[in-house]
Structure formats: structure tokens, C-alpha cells
């Protein structure tokens, strides 16, 4: 399955996304990274997160790869904003 096919989509074929309202990280026994991503559901008017994902990354190489992917995405967003 291609990466694009793995995304959840709505009835119009758009990728379903939820606004991120923060993040928390925690080291687990100095061997892994726990990552909590609280989010809001679309059209939610609450003042606190509707849900959260709690993930674990079990080795330093994957933590670095994830971090680099975020940095690369930030660079692309900034570059696109400058070109707009």
C-alpha cells in the first residue's frame, strides 16, 4: 500500500486532520521516547483537547529520523511561504 493510501479520507477524498493543541515528551527508562499529541476534533468548541495520541519510539535512530522529518517539513513550509 502506498503511503498516500494509508491516510484516512472523508467522503470527498480529502485527508482527515485534527488541529494539534500541543505536545509532551517523556523518556521511558532512558531507552525510548514517549510522545503525547493532544488534538481537537474539527468544529469542536471545547477549551480542552478532545483526544490525544500516545506513541512510543523505541530507539534513538527513529527519534532522530522523526525529528528530522519535522525539521524538513518546517523548512518546506517556510520556503513555500516565502514564495507565495
C-alpha atoms as a PDB file:
ATOM      1  CA  UNK A   1       0.000   0.000   0.000  1.00  0.00           C
ATOM      2  CA  UNK A   2       1.356   3.429  -0.947  1.00  0.00           C
ATOM      3  CA  UNK A   3       1.790   5.959   1.856  1.00  0.00           C
ATOM      4  CA  UNK A   4      -0.990   8.204   0.465  1.00  0.00           C
ATOM      5  CA  UNK A   5      -3.439   5.303   0.552  1.00  0.00           C
ATOM      6  CA  UNK A   6      -2.858   4.802   4.295  1.00  0.00           C
ATOM      7  CA  UNK A   7      -4.353   8.201   5.227  1.00  0.00           C
ATOM      8  CA  UNK A   8      -7.966   8.379   6.444  1.00  0.00           C
ATOM      9  CA  UNK A   9     -10.069  10.388   3.998  1.00  0.00           C
ATOM     10  CA  UNK A  10     -13.527  11.957   4.133  1.00  0.00           C
ATOM     11  CA  UNK A  11     -16.323  11.366   1.632  1.00  0.00           C
ATOM     12  CA  UNK A  12     -14.797  13.992  -0.712  1.00  0.00           C
ATOM     13  CA  UNK A  13     -11.406  12.259  -0.690  1.00  0.00           C
ATOM     14  CA  UNK A  14      -9.719  14.898   1.492  1.00  0.00           C
ATOM     15  CA  UNK A  15      -7.324  13.756   4.208  1.00  0.00           C
ATOM     16  CA  UNK A  16      -8.943  13.942   7.648  1.00  0.00           C
ATOM     17  CA  UNK A  17      -6.812  16.022  10.032  1.00  0.00           C
ATOM     18  CA  UNK A  18      -7.273  17.365  13.557  1.00  0.00           C
ATOM     19  CA  UNK A  19      -5.716  20.559  14.962  1.00  0.00           C
ATOM     20  CA  UNK A  20      -2.794  19.790  17.259  1.00  0.00           C
ATOM     21  CA  UNK A  21      -3.018  21.708  20.546  1.00  0.00           C
ATOM     22  CA  UNK A  22       0.366  20.849  21.990  1.00  0.00           C
ATOM     23  CA  UNK A  23       2.715  18.003  22.651  1.00  0.00           C
ATOM     24  CA  UNK A  24       4.503  16.329  25.526  1.00  0.00           C
ATOM     25  CA  UNK A  25       7.552  14.109  25.544  1.00  0.00           C
ATOM     26  CA  UNK A  26       8.854  11.774  28.207  1.00  0.00           C
ATOM     27  CA  UNK A  27      11.829   9.454  28.360  1.00  0.00           C
ATOM     28  CA  UNK A  28      10.917   5.873  29.222  1.00  0.00           C
ATOM     29  CA  UNK A  29      13.605   4.135  31.256  1.00  0.00           C
ATOM     30  CA  UNK A  30      16.236   6.129  29.297  1.00  0.00           C
ATOM     31  CA  UNK A  31      15.597   3.774  26.373  1.00  0.00           C
ATOM     32  CA  UNK A  32      12.631   5.178  24.462  1.00  0.00           C
ATOM     33  CA  UNK A  33      10.687   8.348  23.783  1.00  0.00           C
ATOM     34  CA  UNK A  34       7.026   8.582  24.703  1.00  0.00           C
ATOM     35  CA  UNK A  35       5.196  11.246  22.728  1.00  0.00           C
ATOM     36  CA  UNK A  36       1.721  12.589  23.552  1.00  0.00           C
ATOM     37  CA  UNK A  37      -0.136  14.624  20.916  1.00  0.00           C
ATOM     38  CA  UNK A  38      -3.374  16.229  22.177  1.00  0.00           C
ATOM     39  CA  UNK A  39      -5.777  17.378  19.466  1.00  0.00           C
ATOM     40  CA  UNK A  40      -9.211  18.864  18.855  1.00  0.00           C
ATOM     41  CA  UNK A  41     -11.892  17.357  16.654  1.00  0.00           C
ATOM     42  CA  UNK A  42     -12.971  19.517  13.729  1.00  0.00           C
ATOM     43  CA  UNK A  43     -15.659  22.071  14.658  1.00  0.00           C
ATOM     44  CA  UNK A  44     -15.065  21.325  18.358  1.00  0.00           C
ATOM     45  CA  UNK A  45     -15.631  24.355  20.593  1.00  0.00           C
ATOM     46  CA  UNK A  46     -14.211  22.886  23.789  1.00  0.00           C
ATOM     47  CA  UNK A  47     -11.376  24.631  25.572  1.00  0.00           C
ATOM     48  CA  UNK A  48      -9.507  21.399  26.298  1.00  0.00           C
ATOM     49  CA  UNK A  49      -8.332  18.717  23.865  1.00  0.00           C
ATOM     50  CA  UNK A  50     -10.919  16.268  22.548  1.00  0.00           C
ATOM     51  CA  UNK A  51      -8.440  13.412  22.332  1.00  0.00           C
ATOM     52  CA  UNK A  52      -4.794  12.520  22.192  1.00  0.00           C
ATOM     53  CA  UNK A  53      -2.428  10.040  20.653  1.00  0.00           C
ATOM     54  CA  UNK A  54       0.197   8.455  22.853  1.00  0.00           C
ATOM     55  CA  UNK A  55       3.080   6.969  20.920  1.00  0.00           C
ATOM     56  CA  UNK A  56       6.407   5.390  21.733  1.00  0.00           C
ATOM     57  CA  UNK A  57       9.576   5.475  19.659  1.00  0.00           C
ATOM     58  CA  UNK A  58      11.853   2.714  20.831  1.00  0.00           C
ATOM     59  CA  UNK A  59      15.280   3.698  19.556  1.00  0.00           C
ATOM     60  CA  UNK A  60      17.413   6.797  19.154  1.00  0.00           C
ATOM     61  CA  UNK A  61      17.763   6.449  15.375  1.00  0.00           C
ATOM     62  CA  UNK A  62      13.983   6.554  14.886  1.00  0.00           C
ATOM     63  CA  UNK A  63      13.677   9.556  17.226  1.00  0.00           C
ATOM     64  CA  UNK A  64      16.302  11.388  15.135  1.00  0.00           C
ATOM     65  CA  UNK A  65      14.583  10.386  11.886  1.00  0.00           C
ATOM     66  CA  UNK A  66      11.214  11.629  13.190  1.00  0.00           C
ATOM     67  CA  UNK A  67      12.786  14.883  14.372  1.00  0.00           C
ATOM     68  CA  UNK A  68      14.500  15.406  11.026  1.00  0.00           C
ATOM     69  CA  UNK A  69      11.240  14.768   9.172  1.00  0.00           C
ATOM     70  CA  UNK A  70       9.611  17.540  11.236  1.00  0.00           C
ATOM     71  CA  UNK A  71      12.515  19.922  10.549  1.00  0.00           C
ATOM     72  CA  UNK A  72      12.361  19.139   6.818  1.00  0.00           C
ATOM     73  CA  UNK A  73       8.603  19.815   6.787  1.00  0.00           C
ATOM     74  CA  UNK A  74       9.126  23.147   8.599  1.00  0.00           C
ATOM     75  CA  UNK A  75      11.747  24.112   6.009  1.00  0.00           C
ATOM     76  CA  UNK A  76       9.342  23.309   3.135  1.00  0.00           C
ATOM     77  CA  UNK A  77       6.543  25.319   4.797  1.00  0.00           C
ATOM     78  CA  UNK A  78       8.835  28.347   5.265  1.00  0.00           C
ATOM     79  CA  UNK A  79      10.123  28.087   1.706  1.00  0.00           C
ATOM     80  CA  UNK A  80       6.566  27.922   0.330  1.00  0.00           C
ATOM     81  CA  UNK A  81       5.519  30.913   2.460  1.00  0.00           C
ATOM     82  CA  UNK A  82       8.404  32.996   1.104  1.00  0.00           C
ATOM     83  CA  UNK A  83       7.454  32.068  -2.456  1.00  0.00           C
ATOM     84  CA  UNK A  84       3.783  32.962  -2.000  1.00  0.00           C
END
